[in-house]
Amino acid sequence: MRNIKIIGLGEVVVDWVAELPFFPGPDEKIDAISENYFSGGVTANFLVAISRLNVSCGFIGAVGKDPYGDFLIEEFKKERVDVRFTKKKAKAKTPVNFIFIVEGEKTIIQSPHMQTTKLEVSDLNLNYIASSNLLHTSIIHQELTEKAIQIAKSNNVKISIDLEAQIARRGWDALKEILLSADVVIPNKEGAKIITNTKNPQEAANTLINQGIPIVIITMGKKGVLITTEECQKVIPAYDVEKIVDTTGAGDTFNGAFSVGYWIKEWSLEDSCKFANAAAALKIQSLGARSGMPTIDMIQKFMNERKI
């Protein structure tokens, strides 16, 4: 079996994206500025960001046996993401998310099929996971995640976890075993505060480190990212861009670029985060979660032009 360096376990969805002049109130109708659909999903976007940086990667997950599912798998293939363990489920529906953009900032309505369109534990391939360098997951399907992490840990595969707010609401007790298995946890600021019941990213990060997670990187949007380990805590500022078009996928782009820098190229935490911030800055200048995801040459050019 061909070795894939980074594997993502999680979700892939269709994103219907509408740009709006403002968010309407109850019983209000407005005209959209534009309407488009794209391939998306937190874990899927993460892998596309990695593939564009010329690192082999594969998706473990499911779609419905329907035209949307066909579309998502073909999009993966175009991006050179391995889909040998992406299953079409005959009795499931491919998730479709609705995303509304106002002045570059997003609101996302997630499909209920993200929870129900999933693999069985028996679908997991031990050798596929065991032969990789890194397993990355969003914990959307917890039983699958627990089994995949068990396989990874038994084979010295590193574990990376993207913790978003809706998953963090399950609570520390429900997620403790998974989170403490991680080599790095990368929550957004709301996810970090919710899982720790704290009021700011610094306090949340310290709480997670004190629980035993070795590296915590909290993404904070325009404020950059907060790196925390037992030895230090440091903010890596975001890059300024002239116009933010769409922040959808910015965190996924950051996570993918960071994973390439830190786990594959073996750069320092700080250098990996600077590289990942640059990738996210380039992404947010295009509409759609993946449209602006850059190549390594684009990132290096961008960083050379802007010193922070």
C-alpha atoms as a PDB file:
ATOM      1  CA  MET A   1       0.000   0.000   0.000  1.00  0.00           C
ATOM      2  CA  ARG A   2       1.361   3.410  -1.012  1.00  0.00           C
ATOM      3  CA  ASN A   3       2.477   5.434   2.010  1.00  0.00           C
ATOM      4  CA  ILE A   4       0.408   8.553   2.599  1.00  0.00           C
ATOM      5  CA  LYS A   5       2.104  11.047   4.900  1.00  0.00           C
ATOM      6  CA  ILE A   6      -0.944  12.821   6.365  1.00  0.00           C
ATOM      7  CA  ILE A   7      -4.395  11.313   6.832  1.00  0.00           C
ATOM      8  CA  GLY A   8      -7.549  13.229   7.694  1.00  0.00           C
ATOM      9  CA  LEU A   9     -10.498  11.567   9.436  1.00  0.00           C
ATOM     10  CA  GLY A  10     -13.682  13.603   9.431  1.00  0.00           C
ATOM     11  CA  GLU A  11     -16.097  15.452   7.214  1.00  0.00           C
ATOM     12  CA  VAL A  12     -16.494  16.463   3.578  1.00  0.00           C
ATOM     13  CA  VAL A  13     -19.476  18.547   2.486  1.00  0.00           C
ATOM     14  CA  VAL A  14     -20.898  20.694  -0.268  1.00  0.00           C
ATOM     15  CA  ASP A  15     -20.838  24.406   0.619  1.00  0.00           C
ATOM     16  CA  TRP A  16     -23.598  26.603  -0.786  1.00  0.00           C
ATOM     17  CA  VAL A  17     -22.220  30.134  -0.373  1.00  0.00           C
ATOM     18  CA  ALA A  18     -24.219  33.355  -0.617  1.00  0.00           C
ATOM     19  CA  GLU A  19     -22.637  36.799  -0.321  1.00  0.00           C
ATOM     20  CA  LEU A  20     -25.047  39.199   1.360  1.00  0.00           C
ATOM     21  CA  PRO A  21     -25.075  42.997   1.813  1.00  0.00           C
ATOM     22  CA  PHE A  22     -26.161  42.448   5.444  1.00  0.00           C
ATOM     23  CA  PHE A  23     -27.741  39.740   7.583  1.00  0.00           C
ATOM     24  CA  PRO A  24     -31.537  39.902   7.271  1.00  0.00           C
ATOM     25  CA  GLY A  25     -33.821  40.028  10.282  1.00  0.00           C
ATOM     26  CA  PRO A  26     -36.828  37.774  10.949  1.00  0.00           C
ATOM     27  CA  ASP A  27     -39.320  37.673   8.075  1.00  0.00           C
ATOM     28  CA  GLU A  28     -37.020  39.855   5.938  1.00  0.00           C
ATOM     29  CA  LYS A  29     -36.092  39.108   2.332  1.00  0.00           C
ATOM     30  CA  ILE A  30     -32.938  40.460   0.670  1.00  0.00           C
ATOM     31  CA  ASP A  31     -31.154  39.922  -2.641  1.00  0.00           C
ATOM     32  CA  ALA A  32     -27.838  38.081  -2.499  1.00  0.00           C
ATOM     33  CA  ILE A  33     -24.798  39.639  -4.130  1.00  0.00           C
ATOM     34  CA  SER A  34     -23.662  36.240  -5.418  1.00  0.00           C
ATOM     35  CA  GLU A  35     -24.411  32.550  -5.019  1.00  0.00           C
ATOM     36  CA  ASN A  36     -21.978  29.689  -5.585  1.00  0.00           C
ATOM     37  CA  TYR A  37     -21.351  26.137  -4.492  1.00  0.00           C
ATOM     38  CA  PHE A  38     -18.017  24.633  -3.598  1.00  0.00           C
ATOM     39  CA  SER A  39     -16.555  21.475  -2.108  1.00  0.00           C
ATOM     40  CA  GLY A  40     -15.836  21.940   1.593  1.00  0.00           C
ATOM     41  CA  GLY A  41     -15.732  20.392   5.050  1.00  0.00           C
ATOM     42  CA  VAL A  42     -13.194  21.097   7.786  1.00  0.00           C
ATOM     43  CA  THR A  43     -11.125  17.931   7.412  1.00  0.00           C
ATOM     44  CA  ALA A  44     -11.449  17.846   3.638  1.00  0.00           C
ATOM     45  CA  ASN A  45     -10.285  21.456   3.326  1.00  0.00           C
ATOM     46  CA  PHE A  46      -7.325  20.697   5.589  1.00  0.00           C
ATOM     47  CA  LEU A  47      -6.207  17.968   3.196  1.00  0.00           C
ATOM     48  CA  VAL A  48      -6.552  20.127   0.087  1.00  0.00           C
ATOM     49  CA  ALA A  49      -4.350  22.748   1.748  1.00  0.00           C
ATOM     50  CA  ILE A  50      -1.740  20.032   2.332  1.00  0.00           C
ATOM     51  CA  SER A  51      -1.931  18.631  -1.169  1.00  0.00           C
ATOM     52  CA  ARG A  52      -1.329  22.085  -2.655  1.00  0.00           C
ATOM     53  CA  LEU A  53       1.895  22.127  -0.650  1.00  0.00           C
ATOM     54  CA  ASN A  54       2.979  18.920  -2.423  1.00  0.00           C
ATOM     55  CA  VAL A  55       2.582  16.555   0.530  1.00  0.00           C
ATOM     56  CA  SER A  56       0.721  13.279   0.022  1.00  0.00           C
ATOM     57  CA  CYS A  57      -2.528  12.980   1.961  1.00  0.00           C
ATOM     58  CA  GLY A  58      -5.709  10.942   2.110  1.00  0.00           C
ATOM     59  CA  PHE A  59      -9.261  11.274   3.400  1.00  0.00           C
ATOM     60  CA  ILE A  60     -11.036   8.747   5.600  1.00  0.00           C
ATOM     61  CA  GLY A  61     -14.759   9.461   5.593  1.00  0.00           C
ATOM     62  CA  ALA A  62     -18.065   9.037   3.824  1.00  0.00           C
ATOM     63  CA  VAL A  63     -20.423  10.695   1.368  1.00  0.00           C
ATOM     64  CA  GLY A  64     -23.858   9.727   0.176  1.00  0.00           C
ATOM     65  CA  LYS A  65     -24.300   7.636  -2.945  1.00  0.00           C
ATOM     66  CA  ASP A  66     -25.714  10.632  -4.813  1.00  0.00           C
ATOM     67  CA  PRO A  67     -24.578  13.360  -7.268  1.00  0.00           C
ATOM     68  CA  TYR A  68     -23.230  15.551  -4.468  1.00  0.00           C
ATOM     69  CA  GLY A  69     -21.107  12.650  -3.255  1.00  0.00           C
ATOM     70  CA  ASP A  70     -19.785  12.061  -6.770  1.00  0.00           C
ATOM     71  CA  PHE A  71     -18.927  15.755  -7.032  1.00  0.00           C
ATOM     72  CA  LEU A  72     -16.963  15.758  -3.771  1.00  0.00           C
ATOM     73  CA  ILE A  73     -14.942  12.679  -4.659  1.00  0.00           C
ATOM     74  CA  GLU A  74     -14.085  14.086  -8.089  1.00  0.00           C
ATOM     75  CA  GLU A  75     -12.967  17.337  -6.455  1.00  0.00           C
ATOM     76  CA  PHE A  76     -10.685  15.349  -4.158  1.00  0.00           C
ATOM     77  CA  LYS A  77      -9.185  13.561  -7.141  1.00  0.00           C
ATOM     78  CA  LYS A  78      -8.539  16.871  -8.926  1.00  0.00           C
ATOM     79  CA  GLU A  79      -6.654  18.028  -5.829  1.00  0.00           C
ATOM     80  CA  ARG A  80      -4.611  14.777  -5.625  1.00  0.00           C
ATOM     81  CA  VAL A  81      -6.142  13.736  -2.289  1.00  0.00           C
ATOM     82  CA  ASP A  82      -6.213   9.952  -1.913  1.00  0.00           C
ATOM     83  CA  VAL A  83      -9.789   8.612  -1.739  1.00  0.00           C
ATOM     84  CA  ARG A  84      -9.245   4.862  -1.435  1.00  0.00           C
ATOM     85  CA  PHE A  85     -10.951   4.961   1.962  1.00  0.00           C
ATOM     86  CA  THR A  86     -13.635   7.502   1.145  1.00  0.00           C
ATOM     87  CA  LYS A  87     -16.820   5.442   1.060  1.00  0.00           C
ATOM     88  CA  LYS A  88     -20.125   6.070  -0.718  1.00  0.00           C
ATOM     89  CA  LYS A  89     -22.962   5.095   1.621  1.00  0.00           C
ATOM     90  CA  ALA A  90     -26.106   3.970  -0.215  1.00  0.00           C
ATOM     91  CA  LYS A  91     -28.585   4.862   2.536  1.00  0.00           C
ATOM     92  CA  ALA A  92     -26.978   8.176   3.492  1.00  0.00           C
ATOM     93  CA  LYS A  93     -27.173  11.713   2.110  1.00  0.00           C
ATOM     94  CA  THR A  94     -24.164  13.868   1.312  1.00  0.00           C
ATOM     95  CA  PRO A  95     -24.107  16.860   3.691  1.00  0.00           C
ATOM     96  CA  VAL A  96     -24.772  20.322   2.267  1.00  0.00           C
ATOM     97  CA  ASN A  97     -23.835  23.356   4.394  1.00  0.00           C
ATOM     98  CA  PHE A  98     -25.201  26.868   3.879  1.00  0.00           C
ATOM     99  CA  ILE A  99     -22.687  29.695   4.291  1.00  0.00           C
ATOM    100  CA  PHE A 100     -23.566  33.377   4.396  1.00  0.00           C
ATOM    101  CA  ILE A 101     -20.850  35.996   3.848  1.00  0.00           C
ATOM    102  CA  VAL A 102     -21.170  39.639   4.903  1.00  0.00           C
ATOM    103  CA  GLU A 103     -18.113  41.841   4.364  1.00  0.00           C
ATOM    104  CA  GLY A 104     -15.854  38.798   4.352  1.00  0.00           C
ATOM    105  CA  GLU A 105     -17.077  37.284   7.624  1.00  0.00           C
ATOM    106  CA  LYS A 106     -18.986  34.005   7.569  1.00  0.00           C
ATOM    107  CA  THR A 107     -21.950  32.373   9.250  1.00  0.00           C
ATOM    108  CA  ILE A 108     -22.331  28.620   8.672  1.00  0.00           C
ATOM    109  CA  ILE A 109     -25.449  26.474   8.967  1.00  0.00           C
ATOM    110  CA  GLN A 110     -24.258  22.866   9.161  1.00  0.00           C
ATOM    111  CA  SER A 111     -26.120  19.930   7.649  1.00  0.00           C
ATOM    112  CA  PRO A 112     -27.536  17.306  10.036  1.00  0.00           C
ATOM    113  CA  HIS A 113     -26.142  14.700   7.633  1.00  0.00           C
ATOM    114  CA  MET A 114     -22.622  15.549   8.830  1.00  0.00           C
ATOM    115  CA  GLN A 115     -23.423  13.480  11.913  1.00  0.00           C
ATOM    116  CA  THR A 116     -25.213  10.596  10.200  1.00  0.00           C
ATOM    117  CA  THR A 117     -23.238  10.144   6.961  1.00  0.00           C
ATOM    118  CA  LYS A 118     -20.221   8.343   8.370  1.00  0.00           C
ATOM    119  CA  LEU A 119     -18.116   5.229   8.260  1.00  0.00           C
ATOM    120  CA  GLU A 120     -18.469   2.216  10.503  1.00  0.00           C
ATOM    121  CA  VAL A 121     -15.545   1.321  12.746  1.00  0.00           C
ATOM    122  CA  SER A 122     -15.102  -1.784  10.586  1.00  0.00           C
ATOM    123  CA  ASP A 123     -14.418   0.477   7.576  1.00  0.00           C
ATOM    124  CA  LEU A 124     -11.150   1.716   9.092  1.00  0.00           C
ATOM    125  CA  ASN A 125      -8.010   0.248   7.524  1.00  0.00           C
ATOM    126  CA  LEU A 126      -5.294  -0.422  10.089  1.00  0.00           C
ATOM    127  CA  ASN A 127      -2.382  -0.443   7.633  1.00  0.00           C
ATOM    128  CA  TYR A 128      -3.471   2.806   5.989  1.00  0.00           C
ATOM    129  CA  ILE A 129      -3.384   4.673   9.302  1.00  0.00           C
ATOM    130  CA  ALA A 130      -0.352   2.837  10.688  1.00  0.00           C
ATOM    131  CA  SER A 131       1.849   3.693   7.702  1.00  0.00           C
ATOM    132  CA  SER A 132       1.202   7.460   7.867  1.00  0.00           C
ATOM    133  CA  ASN A 133       3.161  10.208   9.657  1.00  0.00           C
ATOM    134  CA  LEU A 134       0.182  12.112  11.049  1.00  0.00           C
ATOM    135  CA  LEU A 135      -3.502  11.486  11.742  1.00  0.00           C
ATOM    136  CA  HIS A 136      -5.586  14.673  11.876  1.00  0.00           C
ATOM    137  CA  THR A 137      -9.206  14.710  13.021  1.00  0.00           C
ATOM    138  CA  SER A 138     -12.020  17.049  14.032  1.00  0.00           C
ATOM    139  CA  ILE A 139     -13.655  14.397  16.302  1.00  0.00           C
ATOM    140  CA  ILE A 140     -16.983  14.816  14.518  1.00  0.00           C
ATOM    141  CA  HIS A 141     -17.614  11.056  14.751  1.00  0.00           C
ATOM    142  CA  GLN A 142     -16.322  10.151  18.174  1.00  0.00           C
ATOM    143  CA  GLU A 143     -16.373   6.346  18.091  1.00  0.00           C
ATOM    144  CA  LEU A 144     -14.483   6.334  14.784  1.00  0.00           C
ATOM    145  CA  THR A 145     -12.010   8.859  16.144  1.00  0.00           C
ATOM    146  CA  GLU A 146     -11.310   6.796  19.244  1.00  0.00           C
ATOM    147  CA  LYS A 147     -10.571   3.689  17.183  1.00  0.00           C
ATOM    148  CA  ALA A 148      -8.412   5.540  14.651  1.00  0.00           C
ATOM    149  CA  ILE A 149      -6.383   7.157  17.431  1.00  0.00           C
ATOM    150  CA  GLN A 150      -5.897   3.781  19.062  1.00  0.00           C
ATOM    151  CA  ILE A 151      -4.445   2.460  15.793  1.00  0.00           C
ATOM    152  CA  ALA A 152      -2.269   5.542  15.345  1.00  0.00           C
ATOM    153  CA  LYS A 153      -0.882   5.530  18.872  1.00  0.00           C
ATOM    154  CA  SER A 154      -0.044   1.810  18.609  1.00  0.00           C
ATOM    155  CA  ASN A 155       2.043   2.569  15.537  1.00  0.00           C
ATOM    156  CA  ASN A 156       3.797   5.776  16.623  1.00  0.00           C
ATOM    157  CA  VAL A 157       1.726   7.960  14.301  1.00  0.00           C
ATOM    158  CA  LYS A 158       1.415  11.562  15.508  1.00  0.00           C
ATOM    159  CA  ILE A 159      -2.062  12.903  16.407  1.00  0.00           C
ATOM    160  CA  SER A 160      -3.370  16.367  15.524  1.00  0.00           C
ATOM    161  CA  ILE A 161      -6.824  17.563  16.611  1.00  0.00           C
ATOM    162  CA  ASP A 162      -8.857  20.483  15.291  1.00  0.00           C
ATOM    163  CA  LEU A 163     -11.304  21.413  18.066  1.00  0.00           C
ATOM    164  CA  GLU A 164     -14.194  23.654  17.034  1.00  0.00           C
ATOM    165  CA  ALA A 165     -16.862  25.082  19.318  1.00  0.00           C
ATOM    166  CA  GLN A 166     -19.683  22.692  18.399  1.00  0.00           C
ATOM    167  CA  ILE A 167     -17.511  19.693  19.275  1.00  0.00           C
ATOM    168  CA  ALA A 168     -16.128  21.347  22.419  1.00  0.00           C
ATOM    169  CA  ARG A 169     -19.683  21.656  23.742  1.00  0.00           C
ATOM    170  CA  ARG A 170     -19.648  17.898  24.349  1.00  0.00           C
ATOM    171  CA  GLY A 171     -17.505  18.778  27.356  1.00  0.00           C
ATOM    172  CA  TRP A 172     -14.121  17.840  28.789  1.00  0.00           C
ATOM    173  CA  ASP A 173     -15.311  14.585  30.329  1.00  0.00           C
ATOM    174  CA  ALA A 174     -16.581  13.311  26.960  1.00  0.00           C
ATOM    175  CA  LEU A 175     -13.465  14.365  25.037  1.00  0.00           C
ATOM    176  CA  LYS A 176     -10.748  13.968  27.652  1.00  0.00           C
ATOM    177  CA  GLU A 177      -9.365  10.640  26.462  1.00  0.00           C
ATOM    178  CA  ILE A 178      -9.114  11.810  22.849  1.00  0.00           C
ATOM    179  CA  LEU A 179      -7.591  15.195  23.644  1.00  0.00           C
ATOM    180  CA  LEU A 180      -4.979  13.735  25.962  1.00  0.00           C
ATOM    181  CA  SER A 181      -3.917  11.377  23.156  1.00  0.00           C
ATOM    182  CA  ALA A 182      -2.999  14.328  20.939  1.00  0.00           C
ATOM    183  CA  ASP A 183       0.477  15.579  20.131  1.00  0.00           C
ATOM    184  CA  VAL A 184      -1.053  18.948  19.220  1.00  0.00           C
ATOM    185  CA  VAL A 185      -4.535  20.408  19.711  1.00  0.00           C
ATOM    186  CA  ILE A 186      -5.506  23.352  17.490  1.00  0.00           C
ATOM    187  CA  PRO A 187      -8.780  24.847  18.733  1.00  0.00           C
ATOM    188  CA  ASN A 188     -10.329  28.091  17.586  1.00  0.00           C
ATOM    189  CA  LYS A 189     -10.705  30.601  20.409  1.00  0.00           C
ATOM    190  CA  GLU A 190     -14.348  29.750  21.127  1.00  0.00           C
ATOM    191  CA  GLY A 191     -13.671  26.013  21.160  1.00  0.00           C
ATOM    192  CA  ALA A 192     -10.767  26.541  23.560  1.00  0.00           C
ATOM    193  CA  LYS A 193     -12.836  28.648  25.959  1.00  0.00           C
ATOM    194  CA  ILE A 194     -15.787  26.265  25.902  1.00  0.00           C
ATOM    195  CA  ILE A 195     -13.814  23.063  26.543  1.00  0.00           C
ATOM    196  CA  THR A 196     -11.979  24.682  29.491  1.00  0.00           C
ATOM    197  CA  ASN A 197     -14.789  26.918  30.821  1.00  0.00           C
ATOM    198  CA  THR A 198     -12.434  29.900  30.759  1.00  0.00           C
ATOM    199  CA  LYS A 199     -12.773  33.505  29.585  1.00  0.00           C
ATOM    200  CA  ASN A 200      -9.778  34.103  27.317  1.00  0.00           C
ATOM    201  CA  PRO A 201      -7.417  32.155  25.033  1.00  0.00           C
ATOM    202  CA  GLN A 202      -4.395  32.498  27.335  1.00  0.00           C
ATOM    203  CA  GLU A 203      -6.211  30.977  30.279  1.00  0.00           C
ATOM    204  CA  ALA A 204      -7.755  28.276  28.091  1.00  0.00           C
ATOM    205  CA  ALA A 205      -4.384  27.292  26.635  1.00  0.00           C
ATOM    206  CA  ASN A 206      -2.747  27.097  30.062  1.00  0.00           C
ATOM    207  CA  THR A 207      -5.596  24.917  31.317  1.00  0.00           C
ATOM    208  CA  LEU A 208      -5.158  22.468  28.444  1.00  0.00           C
ATOM    209  CA  ILE A 209      -1.388  22.334  28.915  1.00  0.00           C
ATOM    210  CA  ASN A 210      -1.841  21.701  32.627  1.00  0.00           C
ATOM    211  CA  GLN A 211      -4.137  18.780  31.777  1.00  0.00           C
ATOM    212  CA  GLY A 212      -1.270  17.171  29.863  1.00  0.00           C
ATOM    213  CA  ILE A 213      -1.586  18.219  26.198  1.00  0.00           C
ATOM    214  CA  PRO A 214       1.978  18.970  24.984  1.00  0.00           C
ATOM    215  CA  ILE A 215       1.208  21.671  22.368  1.00  0.00           C
ATOM    216  CA  VAL A 216      -1.840  23.923  22.118  1.00  0.00           C
ATOM    217  CA  ILE A 217      -2.236  26.391  19.256  1.00  0.00           C
ATOM    218  CA  ILE A 218      -5.330  28.582  19.474  1.00  0.00           C
ATOM    219  CA  THR A 219      -6.402  30.316  16.275  1.00  0.00           C
ATOM    220  CA  MET A 220      -7.697  33.846  16.932  1.00  0.00           C
ATOM    221  CA  GLY A 221      -8.640  35.233  13.508  1.00  0.00           C
ATOM    222  CA  LYS A 222      -7.249  38.730  12.900  1.00  0.00           C
ATOM    223  CA  LYS A 223      -5.226  38.507  16.120  1.00  0.00           C
ATOM    224  CA  GLY A 224      -3.166  35.579  14.819  1.00  0.00           C
ATOM    225  CA  VAL A 225      -2.467  32.438  16.833  1.00  0.00           C
ATOM    226  CA  LEU A 226      -1.436  31.700  20.391  1.00  0.00           C
ATOM    227  CA  ILE A 227       1.241  29.008  20.840  1.00  0.00           C
ATOM    228  CA  THR A 228       1.429  27.424  24.285  1.00  0.00           C
ATOM    229  CA  THR A 229       3.688  24.683  25.630  1.00  0.00           C
ATOM    230  CA  GLU A 230       4.996  23.922  29.133  1.00  0.00           C
ATOM    231  CA  GLU A 231       7.979  26.170  28.387  1.00  0.00           C
ATOM    232  CA  CYS A 232       6.405  29.224  26.773  1.00  0.00           C
ATOM    233  CA  GLN A 233       3.358  31.110  25.535  1.00  0.00           C
ATOM    234  CA  LYS A 234       3.570  33.412  22.532  1.00  0.00           C
ATOM    235  CA  VAL A 235       1.271  35.166  20.072  1.00  0.00           C
ATOM    236  CA  ILE A 236       2.214  34.894  16.389  1.00  0.00           C
ATOM    237  CA  PRO A 237       0.440  37.842  14.743  1.00  0.00           C
ATOM    238  CA  ALA A 238      -1.639  37.494  11.602  1.00  0.00           C
ATOM    239  CA  TYR A 239      -0.646  39.150   8.355  1.00  0.00           C
ATOM    240  CA  ASP A 240      -2.661  42.167   7.259  1.00  0.00           C
ATOM    241  CA  VAL A 241      -4.367  41.938   3.879  1.00  0.00           C
ATOM    242  CA  GLU A 242      -6.009  44.738   1.920  1.00  0.00           C
ATOM    243  CA  LYS A 243      -9.385  43.059   1.495  1.00  0.00           C
ATOM    244  CA  ILE A 244     -10.928  40.066   3.248  1.00  0.00           C
ATOM    245  CA  VAL A 245     -13.284  38.317   0.816  1.00  0.00           C
ATOM    246  CA  ASP A 246     -14.193  35.120   2.691  1.00  0.00           C
ATOM    247  CA  THR A 247     -12.814  33.680   5.938  1.00  0.00           C
ATOM    248  CA  THR A 248     -14.345  30.244   5.262  1.00  0.00           C
ATOM    249  CA  GLY A 249     -11.540  27.674   5.324  1.00  0.00           C
ATOM    250  CA  ALA A 250      -8.950  30.019   6.838  1.00  0.00           C
ATOM    251  CA  GLY A 251      -8.501  27.830   9.903  1.00  0.00           C
ATOM    252  CA  ASP A 252      -8.349  24.688   7.771  1.00  0.00           C
ATOM    253  CA  THR A 253      -5.681  26.308   5.607  1.00  0.00           C
ATOM    254  CA  PHE A 254      -3.715  27.281   8.699  1.00  0.00           C
ATOM    255  CA  ASN A 255      -3.935  23.746  10.102  1.00  0.00           C
ATOM    256  CA  GLY A 256      -2.810  22.184   6.836  1.00  0.00           C
ATOM    257  CA  ALA A 257       0.135  24.518   6.332  1.00  0.00           C
ATOM    258  CA  PHE A 258       1.173  24.195   9.975  1.00  0.00           C
ATOM    259  CA  SER A 259       1.086  20.403   9.725  1.00  0.00           C
ATOM    260  CA  VAL A 260       3.320  20.460   6.665  1.00  0.00           C
ATOM    261  CA  GLY A 261       5.771  22.856   8.297  1.00  0.00           C
ATOM    262  CA  TYR A 262       5.961  21.230  11.712  1.00  0.00           C
ATOM    263  CA  TRP A 263       5.413  17.519  11.123  1.00  0.00           C
ATOM    264  CA  ILE A 264       6.813  17.045   7.606  1.00  0.00           C
ATOM    265  CA  LYS A 265       9.473  19.744   7.159  1.00  0.00           C
ATOM    266  CA  GLU A 266      10.328  19.714  10.903  1.00  0.00           C
ATOM    267  CA  TRP A 267      10.441  23.493  11.280  1.00  0.00           C
ATOM    268  CA  SER A 268      10.099  25.143  14.690  1.00  0.00           C
ATOM    269  CA  LEU A 269       6.654  25.842  16.142  1.00  0.00           C
ATOM    270  CA  GLU A 270       7.068  29.567  15.551  1.00  0.00           C
ATOM    271  CA  ASP A 271       8.262  29.246  11.949  1.00  0.00           C
ATOM    272  CA  SER A 272       5.503  26.738  11.182  1.00  0.00           C
ATOM    273  CA  CYS A 273       2.868  29.121  12.551  1.00  0.00           C
ATOM    274  CA  LYS A 274       4.243  32.077  10.572  1.00  0.00           C
ATOM    275  CA  PHE A 275       4.116  29.958   7.411  1.00  0.00           C
ATOM    276  CA  ALA A 276       0.575  28.856   8.244  1.00  0.00           C
ATOM    277  CA  ASN A 277      -0.556  32.426   8.979  1.00  0.00           C
ATOM    278  CA  ALA A 278       0.708  33.452   5.540  1.00  0.00           C
ATOM    279  CA  ALA A 279      -1.214  30.596   3.915  1.00  0.00           C
ATOM    280  CA  ALA A 280      -4.408  31.661   5.697  1.00  0.00           C
ATOM    281  CA  ALA A 281      -3.871  35.303   4.714  1.00  0.00           C
ATOM    282  CA  LEU A 282      -3.699  34.309   1.057  1.00  0.00           C
ATOM    283  CA  LYS A 283      -6.777  32.078   1.346  1.00  0.00           C
ATOM    284  CA  ILE A 284      -9.111  34.755   2.769  1.00  0.00           C
ATOM    285  CA  GLN A 285      -8.686  36.890  -0.337  1.00  0.00           C
ATOM    286  CA  SER A 286     -10.834  34.483  -2.407  1.00  0.00           C
ATOM    287  CA  LEU A 287     -14.444  33.309  -2.187  1.00  0.00           C
ATOM    288  CA  GLY A 288     -14.897  29.668  -1.155  1.00  0.00           C
ATOM    289  CA  ALA A 289     -13.152  27.512   1.429  1.00  0.00           C
ATOM    290  CA  ARG A 290     -10.491  26.212  -0.967  1.00  0.00           C
ATOM    291  CA  SER A 291     -10.348  28.756  -3.794  1.00  0.00           C
ATOM    292  CA  GLY A 292      -7.466  30.788  -2.394  1.00  0.00           C
ATOM    293  CA  MET A 293      -5.452  27.971  -0.828  1.00  0.00           C
ATOM    294  CA  PRO A 294      -1.867  28.690  -1.911  1.00  0.00           C
ATOM    295  CA  THR A 295       1.106  26.752  -3.192  1.00  0.00           C
ATOM    296  CA  ILE A 296       4.401  26.826  -1.310  1.00  0.00           C
ATOM    297  CA  ASP A 297       5.879  29.276  -3.842  1.00  0.00           C
ATOM    298  CA  MET A 298       2.966  31.664  -3.294  1.00  0.00           C
ATOM    299  CA  ILE A 299       3.442  31.522   0.477  1.00  0.00           C
ATOM    300  CA  GLN A 300       7.175  32.113   0.288  1.00  0.00           C
ATOM    301  CA  LYS A 301       6.707  35.078  -2.063  1.00  0.00           C
ATOM    302  CA  PHE A 302       4.052  36.552   0.238  1.00  0.00           C
ATOM    303  CA  MET A 303       6.282  36.150   3.319  1.00  0.00           C
ATOM    304  CA  ASN A 304       9.309  37.669   1.580  1.00  0.00           C
ATOM    305  CA  GLU A 305       7.248  40.746   0.749  1.00  0.00           C
ATOM    306  CA  ARG A 306       5.883  41.166   4.290  1.00  0.00           C
ATOM    307  CA  LYS A 307       8.108  40.927   7.329  1.00  0.00           C
ATOM    308  CA  ILE A 308       6.434  40.748  10.751  1.00  0.00           C
END
